[in-house]
Amino acid sequence: MYKHIIWDFDGTLFDTYPVMAKIFQELLQERGIEEPVENIVKQLKVSMSAALNYFEKKYQIDEEFKASYQARRKEVEADSSKPFAGIAEVCKYIHSTDRKNYLYTHRGESSIMLLEKFGLDGYFSDFITSQNGFERKPSPAAIQYLIEKHGIVSAEAIMIGDRDLDLIAAKKAGIDACFFDELGAASDHSDHAIKDFQQLYAIV
């Protein structure tokens, strides 16, 4: 049984990619550019900076576009982003059985604000966001920090994420990794794979 569950945010706890991609697509359309939302999601799943760099090379988007995207995302995201089905229940279950949830995301304080909005923050024992200044995943530095800070036994910890970089960070830190993909895809870097959060009860 895992006693310490470390969660990624975008694409794992919260279904934010469709919202972010739609905003990105609309801004491109305002500039006369048509790009399938699926392609935008694919780039965003690598990282926000990777997506911006990719489309900067492809369409020469400028700093004004980037600033507009960040501003509009902040406006829309708080109202449109929601946790995946089953997240509230599984986080509550872990918390109620005297185990610990932790957040580890490249996102800033907006992640904690969204957790608070849906009443999930109380189920979490610690939060690692961009504000902490750790090297980005797949660096294991932030996970190692959590292990040391909370006296976590590595064999009792698992990281749940939707990208290989989440899983690689976990393995580098010496803990298990669980890959979440709604379509049931697998990853060579994970110890477990799920496509809905009901499956998580058999793991944690």
C-alpha atoms as a PDB file:
ATOM      1  CA  MET A   1       0.000   0.000   0.000  1.00  0.00           C
ATOM      2  CA  TYR A   2       1.237   3.461  -0.907  1.00  0.00           C
ATOM      3  CA  LYS A   3       1.141   5.987   1.923  1.00  0.00           C
ATOM      4  CA  HIS A   4       2.316   8.990  -0.079  1.00  0.00           C
ATOM      5  CA  ILE A   5       0.694   9.929  -3.379  1.00  0.00           C
ATOM      6  CA  ILE A   6       2.259  12.731  -5.427  1.00  0.00           C
ATOM      7  CA  TRP A   7      -0.006  14.215  -8.088  1.00  0.00           C
ATOM      8  CA  ASP A   8       0.697  16.138 -11.271  1.00  0.00           C
ATOM      9  CA  PHE A   9      -1.923  18.836 -11.956  1.00  0.00           C
ATOM     10  CA  ASP A  10      -2.649  19.557 -15.635  1.00  0.00           C
ATOM     11  CA  GLY A  11      -4.017  16.483 -17.359  1.00  0.00           C
ATOM     12  CA  THR A  12      -3.997  14.449 -14.149  1.00  0.00           C
ATOM     13  CA  LEU A  13      -5.912  16.109 -11.321  1.00  0.00           C
ATOM     14  CA  PHE A  14      -7.613  18.657 -13.571  1.00  0.00           C
ATOM     15  CA  ASP A  15      -8.814  18.359 -17.164  1.00  0.00           C
ATOM     16  CA  THR A  16      -7.249  21.657 -18.232  1.00  0.00           C
ATOM     17  CA  TYR A  17      -5.768  20.839 -21.651  1.00  0.00           C
ATOM     18  CA  PRO A  18      -9.014  21.278 -23.643  1.00  0.00           C
ATOM     19  CA  VAL A  19      -9.568  24.698 -22.066  1.00  0.00           C
ATOM     20  CA  MET A  20      -6.000  25.856 -22.664  1.00  0.00           C
ATOM     21  CA  ALA A  21      -5.948  24.523 -26.222  1.00  0.00           C
ATOM     22  CA  LYS A  22      -9.257  26.172 -27.138  1.00  0.00           C
ATOM     23  CA  ILE A  23      -7.959  29.569 -26.000  1.00  0.00           C
ATOM     24  CA  PHE A  24      -4.760  29.023 -27.989  1.00  0.00           C
ATOM     25  CA  GLN A  25      -6.734  28.007 -31.073  1.00  0.00           C
ATOM     26  CA  GLU A  26      -8.986  31.079 -30.856  1.00  0.00           C
ATOM     27  CA  LEU A  27      -5.999  33.406 -30.664  1.00  0.00           C
ATOM     28  CA  LEU A  28      -4.465  31.744 -33.720  1.00  0.00           C
ATOM     29  CA  GLN A  29      -7.771  32.082 -35.572  1.00  0.00           C
ATOM     30  CA  GLU A  30      -7.835  35.801 -34.764  1.00  0.00           C
ATOM     31  CA  ARG A  31      -4.571  35.972 -36.712  1.00  0.00           C
ATOM     32  CA  GLY A  32      -5.985  33.997 -39.639  1.00  0.00           C
ATOM     33  CA  ILE A  33      -4.315  30.722 -38.649  1.00  0.00           C
ATOM     34  CA  GLU A  34      -6.209  27.423 -38.497  1.00  0.00           C
ATOM     35  CA  GLU A  35      -4.700  24.719 -36.283  1.00  0.00           C
ATOM     36  CA  PRO A  36      -6.534  21.572 -35.067  1.00  0.00           C
ATOM     37  CA  VAL A  37      -7.091  21.676 -31.335  1.00  0.00           C
ATOM     38  CA  GLU A  38      -5.709  18.127 -31.081  1.00  0.00           C
ATOM     39  CA  ASN A  39      -2.320  19.331 -32.321  1.00  0.00           C
ATOM     40  CA  ILE A  40      -2.304  22.122 -29.769  1.00  0.00           C
ATOM     41  CA  VAL A  41      -3.132  19.694 -26.954  1.00  0.00           C
ATOM     42  CA  LYS A  42      -0.280  17.454 -28.094  1.00  0.00           C
ATOM     43  CA  GLN A  43       2.211  20.299 -27.720  1.00  0.00           C
ATOM     44  CA  LEU A  44       0.753  21.513 -24.430  1.00  0.00           C
ATOM     45  CA  LYS A  45       1.154  18.033 -22.992  1.00  0.00           C
ATOM     46  CA  VAL A  46       4.889  18.367 -23.518  1.00  0.00           C
ATOM     47  CA  SER A  47       4.832  21.662 -21.619  1.00  0.00           C
ATOM     48  CA  MET A  48       3.489  25.187 -21.937  1.00  0.00           C
ATOM     49  CA  SER A  49       6.898  26.546 -22.932  1.00  0.00           C
ATOM     50  CA  ALA A  50       7.343  23.749 -25.477  1.00  0.00           C
ATOM     51  CA  ALA A  51       4.004  24.620 -27.082  1.00  0.00           C
ATOM     52  CA  LEU A  52       4.852  28.314 -27.272  1.00  0.00           C
ATOM     53  CA  ASN A  53       8.266  27.531 -28.769  1.00  0.00           C
ATOM     54  CA  TYR A  54       6.768  25.085 -31.272  1.00  0.00           C
ATOM     55  CA  PHE A  55       4.167  27.525 -32.572  1.00  0.00           C
ATOM     56  CA  GLU A  56       6.612  30.413 -32.501  1.00  0.00           C
ATOM     57  CA  LYS A  57       8.726  28.489 -35.013  1.00  0.00           C
ATOM     58  CA  LYS A  58       5.725  27.298 -37.015  1.00  0.00           C
ATOM     59  CA  TYR A  59       3.760  30.554 -37.213  1.00  0.00           C
ATOM     60  CA  GLN A  60       6.167  33.201 -35.918  1.00  0.00           C
ATOM     61  CA  ILE A  61       3.864  34.076 -33.013  1.00  0.00           C
ATOM     62  CA  ASP A  62       5.219  37.074 -31.134  1.00  0.00           C
ATOM     63  CA  GLU A  63       5.429  38.298 -27.547  1.00  0.00           C
ATOM     64  CA  GLU A  64       2.053  40.009 -27.918  1.00  0.00           C
ATOM     65  CA  PHE A  65       0.455  36.641 -28.745  1.00  0.00           C
ATOM     66  CA  LYS A  66       2.126  35.016 -25.735  1.00  0.00           C
ATOM     67  CA  ALA A  67       1.012  37.791 -23.408  1.00  0.00           C
ATOM     68  CA  SER A  68      -2.545  37.648 -24.765  1.00  0.00           C
ATOM     69  CA  TYR A  69      -2.629  33.889 -24.305  1.00  0.00           C
ATOM     70  CA  GLN A  70      -1.460  34.047 -20.696  1.00  0.00           C
ATOM     71  CA  ALA A  71      -3.925  36.821 -19.866  1.00  0.00           C
ATOM     72  CA  ARG A  72      -6.923  35.142 -21.526  1.00  0.00           C
ATOM     73  CA  ARG A  73      -6.021  31.776 -20.008  1.00  0.00           C
ATOM     74  CA  LYS A  74      -6.107  33.280 -16.524  1.00  0.00           C
ATOM     75  CA  GLU A  75      -9.487  34.856 -17.244  1.00  0.00           C
ATOM     76  CA  VAL A  76     -11.138  31.723 -18.620  1.00  0.00           C
ATOM     77  CA  GLU A  77      -9.419  28.920 -16.780  1.00  0.00           C
ATOM     78  CA  ALA A  78     -10.799  29.601 -13.306  1.00  0.00           C
ATOM     79  CA  ASP A  79     -14.365  29.305 -14.605  1.00  0.00           C
ATOM     80  CA  SER A  80     -13.873  26.467 -17.087  1.00  0.00           C
ATOM     81  CA  SER A  81     -11.306  24.059 -15.592  1.00  0.00           C
ATOM     82  CA  LYS A  82     -12.599  21.136 -13.562  1.00  0.00           C
ATOM     83  CA  PRO A  83     -11.118  18.082 -11.851  1.00  0.00           C
ATOM     84  CA  PHE A  84     -11.431  14.767 -13.638  1.00  0.00           C
ATOM     85  CA  ALA A  85     -14.343  12.557 -12.605  1.00  0.00           C
ATOM     86  CA  GLY A  86     -13.494  10.605  -9.469  1.00  0.00           C
ATOM     87  CA  ILE A  87     -10.621  12.840  -8.348  1.00  0.00           C
ATOM     88  CA  ALA A  88     -12.432  14.340  -5.357  1.00  0.00           C
ATOM     89  CA  GLU A  89     -13.469  10.909  -4.123  1.00  0.00           C
ATOM     90  CA  VAL A  90     -10.054   9.271  -4.444  1.00  0.00           C
ATOM     91  CA  CYS A  91      -8.213  12.207  -2.835  1.00  0.00           C
ATOM     92  CA  LYS A  92     -10.718  12.197   0.016  1.00  0.00           C
ATOM     93  CA  TYR A  93     -10.307   8.417   0.375  1.00  0.00           C
ATOM     94  CA  ILE A  94      -6.513   8.680   0.592  1.00  0.00           C
ATOM     95  CA  HIS A  95      -6.768  11.495   3.137  1.00  0.00           C
ATOM     96  CA  SER A  96      -9.397   9.700   5.232  1.00  0.00           C
ATOM     97  CA  THR A  97      -7.240   6.572   5.486  1.00  0.00           C
ATOM     98  CA  ASP A  98      -4.444   8.590   7.144  1.00  0.00           C
ATOM     99  CA  ARG A  99      -2.279   8.755   4.055  1.00  0.00           C
ATOM    100  CA  LYS A 100      -0.921  11.797   2.262  1.00  0.00           C
ATOM    101  CA  ASN A 101      -1.591  13.579  -1.037  1.00  0.00           C
ATOM    102  CA  TYR A 102       0.984  16.001  -2.450  1.00  0.00           C
ATOM    103  CA  LEU A 103       0.835  18.324  -5.462  1.00  0.00           C
ATOM    104  CA  TYR A 104       3.807  18.647  -7.798  1.00  0.00           C
ATOM    105  CA  THR A 105       3.230  20.883 -10.810  1.00  0.00           C
ATOM    106  CA  HIS A 106       5.105  23.289 -13.086  1.00  0.00           C
ATOM    107  CA  ARG A 107       2.072  25.551 -12.852  1.00  0.00           C
ATOM    108  CA  GLY A 108       2.035  28.492 -10.432  1.00  0.00           C
ATOM    109  CA  GLU A 109      -0.329  29.377  -7.606  1.00  0.00           C
ATOM    110  CA  SER A 110      -3.355  28.969  -9.914  1.00  0.00           C
ATOM    111  CA  SER A 111      -3.153  25.241  -9.222  1.00  0.00           C
ATOM    112  CA  ILE A 112      -3.732  25.761  -5.510  1.00  0.00           C
ATOM    113  CA  MET A 113      -6.518  28.263  -6.231  1.00  0.00           C
ATOM    114  CA  LEU A 114      -8.318  25.688  -8.383  1.00  0.00           C
ATOM    115  CA  LEU A 115      -7.917  23.032  -5.696  1.00  0.00           C
ATOM    116  CA  GLU A 116      -9.417  25.486  -3.210  1.00  0.00           C
ATOM    117  CA  LYS A 117     -12.300  26.321  -5.550  1.00  0.00           C
ATOM    118  CA  PHE A 118     -13.365  22.668  -5.639  1.00  0.00           C
ATOM    119  CA  GLY A 119     -12.697  22.032  -1.952  1.00  0.00           C
ATOM    120  CA  LEU A 120      -9.763  19.705  -2.611  1.00  0.00           C
ATOM    121  CA  ASP A 121      -6.926  21.631  -0.968  1.00  0.00           C
ATOM    122  CA  GLY A 122      -7.700  20.223   2.469  1.00  0.00           C
ATOM    123  CA  TYR A 123      -6.880  16.716   1.228  1.00  0.00           C
ATOM    124  CA  PHE A 124      -3.292  17.748   0.402  1.00  0.00           C
ATOM    125  CA  SER A 125      -0.350  17.825   2.802  1.00  0.00           C
ATOM    126  CA  ASP A 126       2.030  19.885   0.666  1.00  0.00           C
ATOM    127  CA  PHE A 127       2.208  21.778  -2.619  1.00  0.00           C
ATOM    128  CA  ILE A 128       5.137  22.132  -5.018  1.00  0.00           C
ATOM    129  CA  THR A 129       4.496  24.740  -7.730  1.00  0.00           C
ATOM    130  CA  SER A 130       6.666  26.880  -9.994  1.00  0.00           C
ATOM    131  CA  GLN A 131       6.954  29.311  -7.082  1.00  0.00           C
ATOM    132  CA  ASN A 132       9.268  26.860  -5.301  1.00  0.00           C
ATOM    133  CA  GLY A 133      11.871  27.281  -8.024  1.00  0.00           C
ATOM    134  CA  PHE A 134      12.848  23.643  -8.512  1.00  0.00           C
ATOM    135  CA  GLU A 135      14.360  22.444 -11.774  1.00  0.00           C
ATOM    136  CA  ARG A 136      11.575  21.251 -14.055  1.00  0.00           C
ATOM    137  CA  LYS A 137      10.628  17.622 -14.533  1.00  0.00           C
ATOM    138  CA  PRO A 138      12.073  15.142 -15.376  1.00  0.00           C
ATOM    139  CA  SER A 139      14.494  16.382 -12.712  1.00  0.00           C
ATOM    140  CA  PRO A 140      13.779  14.476  -9.477  1.00  0.00           C
ATOM    141  CA  ALA A 141      14.763  17.439  -7.284  1.00  0.00           C
ATOM    142  CA  ALA A 142      11.263  18.423  -6.126  1.00  0.00           C
ATOM    143  CA  ILE A 143      10.284  14.825  -5.355  1.00  0.00           C
ATOM    144  CA  GLN A 144      13.520  14.320  -3.437  1.00  0.00           C
ATOM    145  CA  TYR A 145      12.697  17.461  -1.473  1.00  0.00           C
ATOM    146  CA  LEU A 146       9.275  16.057  -0.530  1.00  0.00           C
ATOM    147  CA  ILE A 147      10.860  12.741   0.476  1.00  0.00           C
ATOM    148  CA  GLU A 148      13.341  14.451   2.773  1.00  0.00           C
ATOM    149  CA  LYS A 149      10.906  17.020   4.182  1.00  0.00           C
ATOM    150  CA  HIS A 150       8.204  14.506   5.082  1.00  0.00           C
ATOM    151  CA  GLY A 151      10.414  11.521   5.946  1.00  0.00           C
ATOM    152  CA  ILE A 152       8.871   9.490   3.141  1.00  0.00           C
ATOM    153  CA  VAL A 153       9.935   5.886   2.686  1.00  0.00           C
ATOM    154  CA  SER A 154      10.534   5.585  -1.053  1.00  0.00           C
ATOM    155  CA  ALA A 155       8.813   2.191  -1.318  1.00  0.00           C
ATOM    156  CA  GLU A 156       5.646   3.759   0.084  1.00  0.00           C
ATOM    157  CA  ALA A 157       5.441   6.613  -2.457  1.00  0.00           C
ATOM    158  CA  ILE A 158       4.072   6.935  -5.968  1.00  0.00           C
ATOM    159  CA  MET A 159       3.821   9.734  -8.524  1.00  0.00           C
ATOM    160  CA  ILE A 160       0.730   9.952 -10.741  1.00  0.00           C
ATOM    161  CA  GLY A 161       1.041  11.832 -14.031  1.00  0.00           C
ATOM    162  CA  ASP A 162      -0.066  11.938 -17.651  1.00  0.00           C
ATOM    163  CA  ARG A 163       3.344  12.540 -19.256  1.00  0.00           C
ATOM    164  CA  ASP A 164       6.588  10.620 -19.454  1.00  0.00           C
ATOM    165  CA  LEU A 165       8.435  13.452 -17.749  1.00  0.00           C
ATOM    166  CA  ASP A 166       6.268  12.966 -14.626  1.00  0.00           C
ATOM    167  CA  LEU A 167       7.094   9.274 -14.596  1.00  0.00           C
ATOM    168  CA  ILE A 168      10.790   9.701 -15.311  1.00  0.00           C
ATOM    169  CA  ALA A 169      11.088  12.219 -12.470  1.00  0.00           C
ATOM    170  CA  ALA A 170       9.524   9.664 -10.138  1.00  0.00           C
ATOM    171  CA  LYS A 171      11.818   6.844 -11.206  1.00  0.00           C
ATOM    172  CA  LYS A 172      14.894   9.067 -10.892  1.00  0.00           C
ATOM    173  CA  ALA A 173      13.775   9.882  -7.346  1.00  0.00           C
ATOM    174  CA  GLY A 174      13.484   6.172  -6.560  1.00  0.00           C
ATOM    175  CA  ILE A 175       9.699   5.941  -6.251  1.00  0.00           C
ATOM    176  CA  ASP A 176       7.008   4.192  -8.286  1.00  0.00           C
ATOM    177  CA  ALA A 177       5.103   5.863 -11.109  1.00  0.00           C
ATOM    178  CA  CYS A 178       1.515   5.594 -12.342  1.00  0.00           C
ATOM    179  CA  PHE A 179       0.602   6.696 -15.870  1.00  0.00           C
ATOM    180  CA  PHE A 180      -2.846   8.206 -16.449  1.00  0.00           C
ATOM    181  CA  ASP A 181      -4.222   8.236 -20.001  1.00  0.00           C
ATOM    182  CA  GLU A 182      -7.932   8.368 -20.791  1.00  0.00           C
ATOM    183  CA  LEU A 183      -7.426   6.335 -23.963  1.00  0.00           C
ATOM    184  CA  GLY A 184      -5.615   3.554 -22.125  1.00  0.00           C
ATOM    185  CA  ALA A 185      -2.168   4.147 -23.589  1.00  0.00           C
ATOM    186  CA  ALA A 186       0.859   2.657 -21.845  1.00  0.00           C
ATOM    187  CA  SER A 187       4.262   4.049 -20.930  1.00  0.00           C
ATOM    188  CA  ASP A 188       7.605   2.318 -20.661  1.00  0.00           C
ATOM    189  CA  HIS A 189       8.384   4.436 -17.600  1.00  0.00           C
ATOM    190  CA  SER A 190       5.454   3.464 -15.381  1.00  0.00           C
ATOM    191  CA  ASP A 191       4.834   0.741 -12.809  1.00  0.00           C
ATOM    192  CA  HIS A 192       1.060   1.120 -13.181  1.00  0.00           C
ATOM    193  CA  ALA A 193      -1.282   2.529 -15.828  1.00  0.00           C
ATOM    194  CA  ILE A 194      -4.894   3.698 -15.470  1.00  0.00           C
ATOM    195  CA  LYS A 195      -7.467   5.266 -17.764  1.00  0.00           C
ATOM    196  CA  ASP A 196      -9.969   6.264 -15.085  1.00  0.00           C
ATOM    197  CA  PHE A 197      -9.559   6.975 -11.407  1.00  0.00           C
ATOM    198  CA  GLN A 198     -11.743   4.096 -10.232  1.00  0.00           C
ATOM    199  CA  GLN A 199      -8.809   1.877 -11.152  1.00  0.00           C
ATOM    200  CA  LEU A 200      -6.634   3.735  -8.685  1.00  0.00           C
ATOM    201  CA  TYR A 201      -8.339   2.133  -5.672  1.00  0.00           C
ATOM    202  CA  ALA A 202      -6.761  -1.199  -6.585  1.00  0.00           C
ATOM    203  CA  ILE A 203      -3.319   0.434  -6.629  1.00  0.00           C
ATOM    204  CA  VAL A 204      -3.280   2.827  -3.681  1.00  0.00           C
END
